[in-house]
Amino acid sequence: MKVMFVVASYHPHIGGVEYVVKSVAERLVKRGHDVTVLCGEPSVDDPREEWVNGVRVIRWPVWAPGGAYHIPRLRGRLRSWLSKAAREHDVVHFHSVHSVLTVYSLNALKECRAHKVATPHYHGTGHTALRRLLWLAWRDYVKRALASADVVHTVSDFESKLVLEHFKVESVTIEHGVEEWFSGIEWSPSGYAMYSGRIERYKNVHRLANVVKALNDMGMDLGLKVFGSGPYAERLERHLKELGVRYELRPPQPYEEYVAHLSKASFFGLLSEREAYGLVVNEANAIGVPVVVVEPWGLNFSGRSRTLITKLSKSDRELGKEIAAFLDEAKELPKPKVPTWSQVVDLYVERLYCRQQEG
């Protein structure tokens, strides 16, 4: 089978969607499939081809103001390239409706014969007032694009409900996985809470810091480790200094180093207002690190042990009391069961890519 992915950016760029596509693409290659990735690249003026771990990668010039949008340049050449490439592939899999490159490419190929799969990675709206305003117009464009896909794939029940409500599209839900070697990692708590990901206000890392302070006021002795980057990083650091909790604030770390720190966290907190899924929650669950998430998207993880699903409407002190009780209980519970990426790829092939054989 020949599969092409279209995604805003790709390895070595760091991000959740980039990691998902890399995880699936490289496992497909190992199974003997031919895989191409078309991705945006702000640092080039002409398309560039390279090979990364057996995956053919085409890096297309884009504008990416503030690291977002990934608006394609050379659009006439891109449309021509896409048309030719689609004829040479059995499946074209588009990732993230938050990327202009992705949605433009899906619209450009709405008449192509290749089997089209779209994974929106959609959480409802933009992250700032400007982005929320832009989404009012962008949502109609996305709706038309998704209507042309043969299969829409969502990564959680929460995302599936949003996609149906906002775009009137039914979807196939397959959640994300973890690396196979995670099963051999042991949780070894070392006195700190942790967050890893984009640093935006809506992620509420400052609320997590407040909760750590509340826990310490109750007699615990916790620090906070934050790995990530984003427009809220400077304000977050000012808040951390004023709060007086012990902290480390670092840019995104190499994967193995990040995992090593995660395995030693007393708990991982993701108090974000909006998430399509929450990859790091999966990874923390697989290791056995207690996890704190919030409604409504946190309900994705209902039924998993060592996982507290709470509400942002609670005060910092209320959250602290709830988390303290949860941590006492969590250490006695078994690790949650989390699918591996190999298991997820099996489902992709069976439920997303082979549906074109039906009928």
Protein backbone atom coordinates (compact mmCIF):
# COMPACT_ATOMS: atom_id res chain seq x y z
CA MET A 1 0.00 0.00 0.00
CA LYS A 2 1.17 3.53 -0.76
CA VAL A 3 0.17 6.08 1.88
CA MET A 4 0.70 9.84 1.90
CA PHE A 5 0.29 12.01 4.98
CA VAL A 6 -0.36 15.75 4.78
CA VAL A 7 0.55 17.58 8.00
CA ALA A 8 1.48 21.12 9.08
CA SER A 9 5.06 20.17 10.03
CA TYR A 10 7.10 17.05 10.67
CA HIS A 11 10.06 15.68 12.59
CA PRO A 12 12.48 17.10 13.73
CA HIS A 13 9.88 19.77 14.60
CA ILE A 14 8.35 18.95 17.99
CA GLY A 15 4.62 18.80 18.56
CA GLY A 16 1.77 16.44 19.29
CA VAL A 17 0.51 16.05 15.72
CA GLU A 18 4.08 15.73 14.41
CA TYR A 19 4.69 12.91 16.89
CA VAL A 20 1.45 11.12 15.96
CA VAL A 21 2.23 11.15 12.23
CA LYS A 22 5.83 10.05 12.79
CA SER A 23 4.69 7.19 15.04
CA VAL A 24 2.25 5.87 12.44
CA ALA A 25 4.34 6.57 9.33
CA GLU A 26 7.47 4.78 10.56
CA ARG A 27 5.54 1.71 11.69
CA LEU A 28 3.83 1.50 8.30
CA VAL A 29 7.26 1.58 6.64
CA LYS A 30 8.45 -1.27 8.88
CA ARG A 31 5.48 -3.30 7.65
CA GLY A 32 6.54 -2.83 4.03
CA HIS A 33 4.28 0.03 2.97
CA ASP A 34 5.53 3.03 0.96
CA VAL A 35 5.00 6.25 2.93
CA THR A 36 5.33 9.88 1.89
CA VAL A 37 4.81 12.89 4.17
CA LEU A 38 3.99 16.32 2.75
CA CYS A 39 4.65 18.92 5.44
CA GLY A 40 5.13 22.65 5.79
CA GLU A 41 8.57 24.14 6.34
CA PRO A 42 8.99 27.89 7.01
CA SER A 43 12.78 27.81 6.50
CA VAL A 44 12.79 26.84 2.80
CA ASP A 45 11.94 28.80 -0.35
CA ASP A 46 11.55 25.78 -2.63
CA PRO A 47 10.17 22.30 -1.98
CA ARG A 48 12.79 19.97 -0.53
CA GLU A 49 12.80 16.18 -0.52
CA GLU A 50 14.57 14.01 2.07
CA TRP A 51 14.29 10.62 3.73
CA VAL A 52 13.71 10.22 7.47
CA ASN A 53 13.80 6.67 8.87
CA GLY A 54 12.49 5.21 5.62
CA VAL A 55 9.78 7.87 5.18
CA ARG A 56 9.94 10.10 2.10
CA VAL A 57 9.44 13.67 3.35
CA ILE A 58 8.51 16.61 1.10
CA ARG A 59 8.99 19.91 2.92
CA TRP A 60 6.87 22.61 1.27
CA PRO A 61 7.48 26.36 1.80
CA VAL A 62 4.92 27.92 4.15
CA TRP A 63 4.32 31.08 6.10
CA ALA A 64 3.92 30.25 9.77
CA PRO A 65 3.45 33.49 11.74
CA GLY A 66 3.98 32.75 15.42
CA GLY A 67 4.53 29.10 14.55
CA ALA A 68 0.87 28.72 13.52
CA TYR A 69 -1.42 28.40 10.49
CA HIS A 70 1.24 27.02 8.05
CA ILE A 71 -0.09 28.89 5.02
CA PRO A 72 1.31 27.30 1.82
CA ARG A 73 3.38 29.29 -0.62
CA LEU A 74 3.75 28.40 -4.33
CA ARG A 75 0.14 27.26 -4.33
CA GLY A 76 -0.07 26.68 -8.10
CA ARG A 77 2.89 24.31 -7.93
CA LEU A 78 1.45 22.70 -4.80
CA ARG A 79 -1.89 21.97 -6.42
CA SER A 80 -0.13 20.42 -9.41
CA TRP A 81 2.17 18.36 -7.16
CA LEU A 82 -0.77 17.15 -5.06
CA SER A 83 -2.75 16.08 -8.11
CA LYS A 84 0.14 13.98 -9.41
CA ALA A 85 1.01 12.54 -5.98
CA ALA A 86 -2.58 11.55 -5.25
CA ARG A 87 -2.70 9.45 -8.44
CA GLU A 88 0.36 7.55 -7.17
CA HIS A 89 -1.01 6.75 -3.69
CA ASP A 90 -3.74 4.46 -2.42
CA VAL A 91 -4.48 6.53 0.69
CA VAL A 92 -4.00 10.21 1.47
CA HIS A 93 -4.32 10.97 5.19
CA PHE A 94 -4.76 14.63 6.19
CA HIS A 95 -3.92 15.71 9.75
CA SER A 96 -5.22 18.80 11.63
CA VAL A 97 -7.87 21.24 10.49
CA HIS A 98 -5.94 23.91 12.42
CA SER A 99 -3.41 23.93 9.54
CA VAL A 100 -4.11 25.90 6.34
CA LEU A 101 -1.75 23.61 4.40
CA THR A 102 -3.77 20.56 5.42
CA VAL A 103 -7.23 21.94 4.69
CA TYR A 104 -6.07 23.58 1.43
CA SER A 105 -4.65 20.23 0.30
CA LEU A 106 -7.83 18.34 1.21
CA ASN A 107 -9.92 20.83 -0.77
CA ALA A 108 -7.49 20.63 -3.71
CA LEU A 109 -7.91 16.84 -3.80
CA LYS A 110 -11.66 16.62 -3.21
CA GLU A 111 -12.16 15.03 -6.66
CA CYS A 112 -9.17 12.67 -6.56
CA ARG A 113 -9.63 8.89 -6.63
CA ALA A 114 -7.28 8.15 -3.74
CA HIS A 115 -8.97 7.09 -0.51
CA LYS A 116 -9.02 10.22 1.66
CA VAL A 117 -8.82 10.08 5.46
CA ALA A 118 -9.03 13.24 7.58
CA THR A 119 -8.01 13.47 11.24
CA PRO A 120 -9.11 16.93 12.46
CA HIS A 121 -7.32 17.05 15.87
CA TYR A 122 -10.14 19.45 16.64
CA HIS A 123 -10.94 20.90 20.06
CA GLY A 124 -13.61 23.42 19.19
CA THR A 125 -12.11 26.84 18.59
CA GLY A 126 -8.97 28.99 18.50
CA HIS A 127 -6.71 29.81 21.42
CA THR A 128 -6.90 33.63 21.37
CA ALA A 129 -9.59 36.23 20.68
CA LEU A 130 -8.20 36.75 17.16
CA ARG A 131 -8.05 33.04 16.43
CA ARG A 132 -11.58 32.52 17.74
CA LEU A 133 -12.77 35.28 15.39
CA LEU A 134 -10.94 33.71 12.44
CA TRP A 135 -12.55 30.36 13.22
CA LEU A 136 -16.00 31.82 12.48
CA ALA A 137 -15.09 31.94 8.79
CA TRP A 138 -12.62 29.05 8.81
CA ARG A 139 -15.18 26.59 10.19
CA ASP A 140 -17.28 26.73 6.98
CA TYR A 141 -14.17 26.09 4.88
CA VAL A 142 -13.25 23.14 7.07
CA LYS A 143 -16.80 21.77 6.91
CA ARG A 144 -16.67 21.67 3.10
CA ALA A 145 -13.25 20.03 3.18
CA LEU A 146 -14.26 17.32 5.65
CA ALA A 147 -17.36 16.54 3.61
CA SER A 148 -15.05 15.45 0.77
CA ALA A 149 -13.14 12.92 2.90
CA ASP A 150 -14.03 9.25 2.61
CA VAL A 151 -13.39 8.70 6.32
CA VAL A 152 -13.12 11.22 9.15
CA HIS A 153 -11.06 9.88 12.05
CA THR A 154 -11.34 11.33 15.54
CA VAL A 155 -9.10 10.45 18.46
CA SER A 156 -11.64 10.57 21.31
CA ASP A 157 -15.36 10.45 21.99
CA PHE A 158 -15.18 14.11 22.98
CA GLU A 159 -13.66 15.11 19.62
CA SER A 160 -16.16 12.91 17.79
CA LYS A 161 -19.07 14.76 19.40
CA LEU A 162 -17.53 18.15 18.54
CA VAL A 163 -16.95 17.16 14.91
CA LEU A 164 -20.53 15.93 14.58
CA GLU A 165 -21.93 19.07 16.24
CA HIS A 166 -19.81 21.62 14.35
CA PHE A 167 -19.32 19.93 10.97
CA LYS A 168 -22.25 17.44 10.77
CA VAL A 169 -19.84 14.60 10.00
CA GLU A 170 -19.84 11.10 11.48
CA SER A 171 -16.40 9.77 12.41
CA VAL A 172 -14.44 6.65 13.30
CA THR A 173 -12.82 6.97 16.73
CA ILE A 174 -9.38 5.44 17.31
CA GLU A 175 -7.37 6.82 20.20
CA HIS A 176 -3.61 7.44 20.27
CA GLY A 177 -1.03 4.96 21.50
CA VAL A 178 2.31 4.88 23.30
CA GLU A 179 5.74 3.50 22.50
CA GLU A 180 5.98 -0.25 23.01
CA TRP A 181 8.89 0.09 25.46
CA PHE A 182 6.80 2.11 27.92
CA SER A 183 5.65 -1.14 29.50
CA GLY A 184 9.12 -1.59 30.99
CA ILE A 185 9.24 1.82 32.71
CA GLU A 186 8.54 2.00 36.43
CA TRP A 187 7.04 4.99 38.23
CA SER A 188 9.48 6.40 40.78
CA PRO A 189 7.95 9.56 42.37
CA SER A 190 10.56 12.17 43.25
CA GLY A 191 8.70 15.12 44.71
CA TYR A 192 7.45 17.24 41.83
CA ALA A 193 4.38 17.79 39.69
CA MET A 194 4.92 18.01 35.94
CA TYR A 195 3.49 19.57 32.81
CA SER A 196 4.79 19.12 29.24
CA GLY A 197 3.36 20.79 26.14
CA ARG A 198 2.54 24.16 24.65
CA ILE A 199 2.59 27.07 27.09
CA GLU A 200 -0.59 28.99 26.33
CA ARG A 201 -2.90 30.65 28.82
CA TYR A 202 -5.74 28.22 28.05
CA LYS A 203 -3.48 25.31 29.11
CA ASN A 204 -3.74 26.65 32.71
CA VAL A 205 -0.20 25.79 33.76
CA HIS A 206 -0.45 28.77 36.11
CA ARG A 207 -3.44 27.05 37.76
CA LEU A 208 -1.34 23.90 38.15
CA ALA A 209 1.31 26.02 39.87
CA ASN A 210 -1.34 27.43 42.19
CA VAL A 211 -2.44 23.89 43.07
CA VAL A 212 1.16 22.89 43.84
CA LYS A 213 1.35 25.89 46.18
CA ALA A 214 -1.93 24.81 47.82
CA LEU A 215 -0.61 21.26 48.28
CA ASN A 216 2.56 22.61 49.87
CA ASP A 217 0.47 24.76 52.21
CA MET A 218 -1.19 21.49 53.30
CA GLY A 219 2.18 20.04 54.28
CA MET A 220 3.48 18.48 51.08
CA ASP A 221 6.86 19.42 49.62
CA LEU A 222 6.44 19.53 45.84
CA GLY A 223 8.23 21.34 43.06
CA LEU A 224 6.95 21.89 39.52
CA LYS A 225 8.65 20.93 36.25
CA VAL A 226 7.38 22.53 33.06
CA PHE A 227 8.75 21.49 29.65
CA GLY A 228 7.46 23.49 26.71
CA SER A 229 7.36 26.77 24.85
CA GLY A 230 4.73 29.22 23.76
CA PRO A 231 3.44 32.79 24.00
CA TYR A 232 2.52 32.51 27.70
CA ALA A 233 5.96 31.31 28.87
CA GLU A 234 7.26 34.68 30.11
CA ARG A 235 4.08 35.48 32.04
CA LEU A 236 4.10 32.00 33.50
CA GLU A 237 7.65 32.40 34.75
CA ARG A 238 6.79 35.73 36.39
CA HIS A 239 3.85 34.04 38.09
CA LEU A 240 6.04 31.16 39.29
CA LYS A 241 8.55 33.57 40.80
CA GLU A 242 5.81 35.52 42.57
CA LEU A 243 4.20 32.30 43.83
CA GLY A 244 7.40 31.08 45.43
CA VAL A 245 7.18 27.38 44.45
CA ARG A 246 10.30 25.49 43.39
CA TYR A 247 10.22 25.18 39.64
CA GLU A 248 12.06 24.29 36.46
CA LEU A 249 10.87 25.88 33.24
CA ARG A 250 12.61 24.46 30.18
CA PRO A 251 11.96 24.31 26.43
CA PRO A 252 10.79 20.98 24.96
CA GLN A 253 13.28 18.25 25.84
CA PRO A 254 14.59 15.28 23.82
CA TYR A 255 12.03 12.51 24.01
CA GLU A 256 13.99 10.05 26.15
CA GLU A 257 14.89 12.80 28.63
CA TYR A 258 11.30 13.97 28.85
CA VAL A 259 10.16 10.38 29.53
CA ALA A 260 12.80 10.00 32.26
CA HIS A 261 11.48 13.12 34.02
CA LEU A 262 7.87 12.02 33.52
CA SER A 263 8.54 8.65 35.17
CA LYS A 264 9.70 10.44 38.34
CA ALA A 265 6.84 12.92 38.62
CA SER A 266 4.63 12.63 41.70
CA PHE A 267 1.79 13.46 39.35
CA PHE A 268 1.20 14.92 35.90
CA GLY A 269 -1.31 17.75 35.60
CA LEU A 270 -3.11 18.88 32.44
CA LEU A 271 -5.72 21.45 33.44
CA SER A 272 -6.27 22.70 29.89
CA GLU A 273 -9.61 24.18 28.90
CA ARG A 274 -9.52 22.43 25.48
CA GLU A 275 -7.81 19.31 24.17
CA ALA A 276 -8.68 16.92 21.35
CA TYR A 277 -6.97 14.16 23.32
CA GLY A 278 -3.88 14.66 25.50
CA LEU A 279 -0.93 12.56 24.35
CA VAL A 280 1.10 13.05 27.51
CA VAL A 281 -1.81 11.75 29.57
CA ASN A 282 -1.50 8.49 27.62
CA GLU A 283 2.22 8.33 28.31
CA ALA A 284 1.86 9.11 32.00
CA ASN A 285 -0.91 6.50 32.27
CA ALA A 286 1.27 3.88 30.57
CA ILE A 287 4.07 4.46 33.08
CA GLY A 288 1.66 4.55 36.00
CA VAL A 289 2.19 8.20 36.92
CA PRO A 290 -0.98 9.60 38.56
CA VAL A 291 -2.70 12.06 36.22
CA VAL A 292 -5.02 14.99 36.88
CA VAL A 293 -7.22 16.16 33.98
CA VAL A 294 -10.35 18.29 33.73
CA GLU A 295 -13.80 18.08 32.18
CA PRO A 296 -15.09 18.01 29.54
CA TRP A 297 -12.25 16.59 27.42
CA GLY A 298 -10.74 14.72 30.38
CA LEU A 299 -13.74 12.38 30.28
CA ASN A 300 -11.82 10.67 27.43
CA PHE A 301 -9.93 8.89 30.19
CA SER A 302 -12.89 7.72 32.26
CA GLY A 303 -12.32 4.27 33.65
CA ARG A 304 -8.54 4.52 33.76
CA SER A 305 -6.95 3.89 37.14
CA ARG A 306 -4.59 6.47 38.68
CA THR A 307 -6.52 9.18 36.79
CA LEU A 308 -8.45 12.01 38.46
CA ILE A 309 -11.02 13.84 36.34
CA THR A 310 -12.02 17.11 38.00
CA LYS A 311 -13.46 20.54 37.19
CA LEU A 312 -11.74 23.87 36.57
CA SER A 313 -14.57 25.64 38.36
CA LYS A 314 -13.16 24.46 41.70
CA SER A 315 -10.85 26.75 43.66
CA ASP A 316 -7.13 26.07 43.88
CA ARG A 317 -7.53 24.92 47.47
CA GLU A 318 -10.44 22.63 46.59
CA LEU A 319 -8.35 21.11 43.80
CA GLY A 320 -5.44 20.71 46.20
CA LYS A 321 -7.55 18.80 48.74
CA GLU A 322 -9.00 16.59 46.03
CA ILE A 323 -5.59 15.84 44.53
CA ALA A 324 -4.02 15.10 47.92
CA ALA A 325 -6.68 12.46 48.61
CA PHE A 326 -6.32 11.09 45.07
CA LEU A 327 -2.54 10.70 45.39
CA ASP A 328 -2.94 8.68 48.58
CA GLU A 329 -5.27 6.28 46.76
CA ALA A 330 -3.50 6.16 43.38
CA LYS A 331 -0.33 4.45 44.56
CA GLU A 332 -2.39 1.40 45.59
CA LEU A 333 -4.07 1.08 42.19
CA PRO A 334 -2.77 -0.91 39.17
CA LYS A 335 -1.35 0.79 36.08
CA PRO A 336 -3.96 1.72 33.48
CA LYS A 337 -4.01 -0.24 30.21
CA VAL A 338 -2.96 1.93 27.26
CA PRO A 339 -2.72 0.75 23.61
CA THR A 340 0.67 0.74 21.88
CA TRP A 341 1.28 2.49 18.59
CA SER A 342 1.61 -0.92 16.88
CA GLN A 343 -1.92 -1.77 18.04
CA VAL A 344 -3.15 1.63 16.88
CA VAL A 345 -1.57 1.17 13.43
CA ASP A 346 -3.38 -2.17 13.10
CA LEU A 347 -6.64 -0.30 13.65
CA TYR A 348 -5.68 2.42 11.17
CA VAL A 349 -5.11 -0.15 8.44
CA GLU A 350 -8.25 -2.13 9.25
CA ARG A 351 -10.72 0.65 9.97
CA LEU A 352 -9.38 3.74 8.15
CA TYR A 353 -7.29 2.65 5.20
CA CYS A 354 -9.02 -0.52 4.03
CA ARG A 355 -12.54 0.83 4.02
CA GLN A 356 -12.10 1.66 0.33
CA GLN A 357 -12.24 -2.08 -0.28
CA GLU A 358 -15.78 -2.35 1.08
CA GLY A 359 -18.54 -2.83 -1.47
